[in-house]
Protein backbone atom coordinates (compact mmCIF):
# COMPACT_ATOMS: atom_id res chain seq x y z
CA UNK A 1 -153.12 78.73 -57.32
CA UNK A 2 -149.73 79.23 -55.62
CA UNK A 3 -148.89 75.53 -55.93
CA UNK A 4 -149.68 75.65 -59.64
CA UNK A 5 -147.47 78.71 -60.19
CA UNK A 6 -144.62 77.16 -58.22
CA UNK A 7 -144.78 73.87 -60.11
CA UNK A 8 -144.99 75.60 -63.50
CA UNK A 9 -141.93 77.74 -62.76
CA UNK A 10 -139.60 74.86 -63.58
CA UNK A 11 -137.19 75.54 -60.71
CA UNK A 12 -136.08 72.35 -58.99
CA UNK A 13 -136.17 74.25 -55.68
CA UNK A 14 -139.94 74.72 -55.88
CA UNK A 15 -140.47 70.96 -56.04
CA UNK A 16 -139.37 70.92 -52.38
CA UNK A 17 -141.58 73.76 -51.16
CA UNK A 18 -143.83 73.27 -48.16
CA UNK A 19 -147.30 74.81 -48.10
CA UNK A 20 -149.56 75.95 -45.26
CA UNK A 21 -152.83 75.68 -47.19
CA UNK A 22 -154.39 73.08 -44.89
CA UNK A 23 -154.29 75.62 -42.06
CA UNK A 24 -155.56 78.47 -44.23
CA UNK A 25 -152.05 79.95 -44.63
CA UNK A 26 -151.78 80.11 -48.41
CA UNK A 27 -148.04 80.56 -48.57
CA UNK A 28 -145.04 78.42 -49.47
CA UNK A 29 -141.82 77.93 -47.52
CA UNK A 30 -138.51 76.71 -48.87
CA UNK A 31 -135.21 76.17 -47.09
CA UNK A 32 -132.35 76.43 -49.57
CA UNK A 33 -128.62 77.03 -49.25
CA UNK A 34 -127.57 79.84 -51.56
CA UNK A 35 -124.87 82.51 -51.65
CA UNK A 36 -127.01 85.61 -51.15
CA UNK A 37 -130.51 87.08 -51.00
CA UNK A 38 -130.57 88.05 -54.67
CA UNK A 39 -129.87 84.47 -55.70
CA UNK A 40 -132.55 83.25 -53.28
CA UNK A 41 -135.10 85.64 -54.75
CA UNK A 42 -134.13 84.47 -58.23
CA UNK A 43 -135.24 80.88 -57.60
CA UNK A 44 -138.79 82.02 -56.87
CA UNK A 45 -141.45 82.23 -59.56
CA UNK A 46 -141.44 85.79 -60.99
CA UNK A 47 -144.99 86.42 -59.73
CA UNK A 48 -143.78 86.12 -56.12
CA UNK A 49 -140.30 87.67 -56.18
CA UNK A 50 -141.25 91.23 -55.24
CA UNK A 51 -143.28 90.31 -52.15
CA UNK A 52 -141.24 87.31 -50.96
CA UNK A 53 -139.69 87.45 -47.53
CA UNK A 54 -136.13 86.12 -47.61
CA UNK A 55 -134.85 85.08 -44.18
CA UNK A 56 -131.25 84.11 -43.44
CA UNK A 57 -131.19 81.23 -40.98
CA UNK A 58 -128.29 80.42 -38.68
CA UNK A 59 -127.46 77.37 -36.64
CA UNK A 60 -125.86 78.65 -33.46
CA UNK A 61 -123.25 76.63 -31.64
CA UNK A 62 -123.66 75.73 -27.99
CA UNK A 63 -121.15 78.48 -27.17
CA UNK A 64 -123.23 81.00 -29.17
CA UNK A 65 -126.30 80.04 -27.14
CA UNK A 66 -124.45 80.39 -23.85
CA UNK A 67 -123.17 83.83 -24.85
CA UNK A 68 -126.66 84.89 -25.95
CA UNK A 69 -128.03 83.99 -22.51
CA UNK A 70 -125.30 86.02 -20.80
CA UNK A 71 -125.52 89.07 -23.07
CA UNK A 72 -128.45 89.01 -25.53
CA UNK A 73 -127.75 92.51 -26.89
CA UNK A 74 -124.15 91.69 -27.77
CA UNK A 75 -125.20 88.39 -29.36
CA UNK A 76 -127.74 90.22 -31.55
CA UNK A 77 -125.08 92.70 -32.70
CA UNK A 78 -122.63 89.92 -33.51
CA UNK A 79 -125.19 88.05 -35.60
CA UNK A 80 -126.48 91.04 -37.53
CA UNK A 81 -129.58 91.89 -35.52
CA UNK A 82 -130.19 95.14 -33.69
C-alpha cells in the first residue's frame, strides 16, 4: 500500500525511495538534499506527512571525528545534539 501511495504522489523524490518490506519493515526511506525540514516534509505524500520522521544527516570531517572521540559532549553540543 505504501509503495502505491508513494508512486501515485507524483513527486520525483518518491521514485528513489527505498523500502524495508522484504524484512517486514513496511516503511520507506529517502535521502534528499533540501533547505529545511518543512520542505522535506512537503515532498512526502500527504497521507504520510504528519507521522514522518525527518532526520538531518551530517558527514563529519576527520577532524570532527577526532574531536568527538576526545570530548563527545562538546561535539554533540556543536552539532545540535544534547
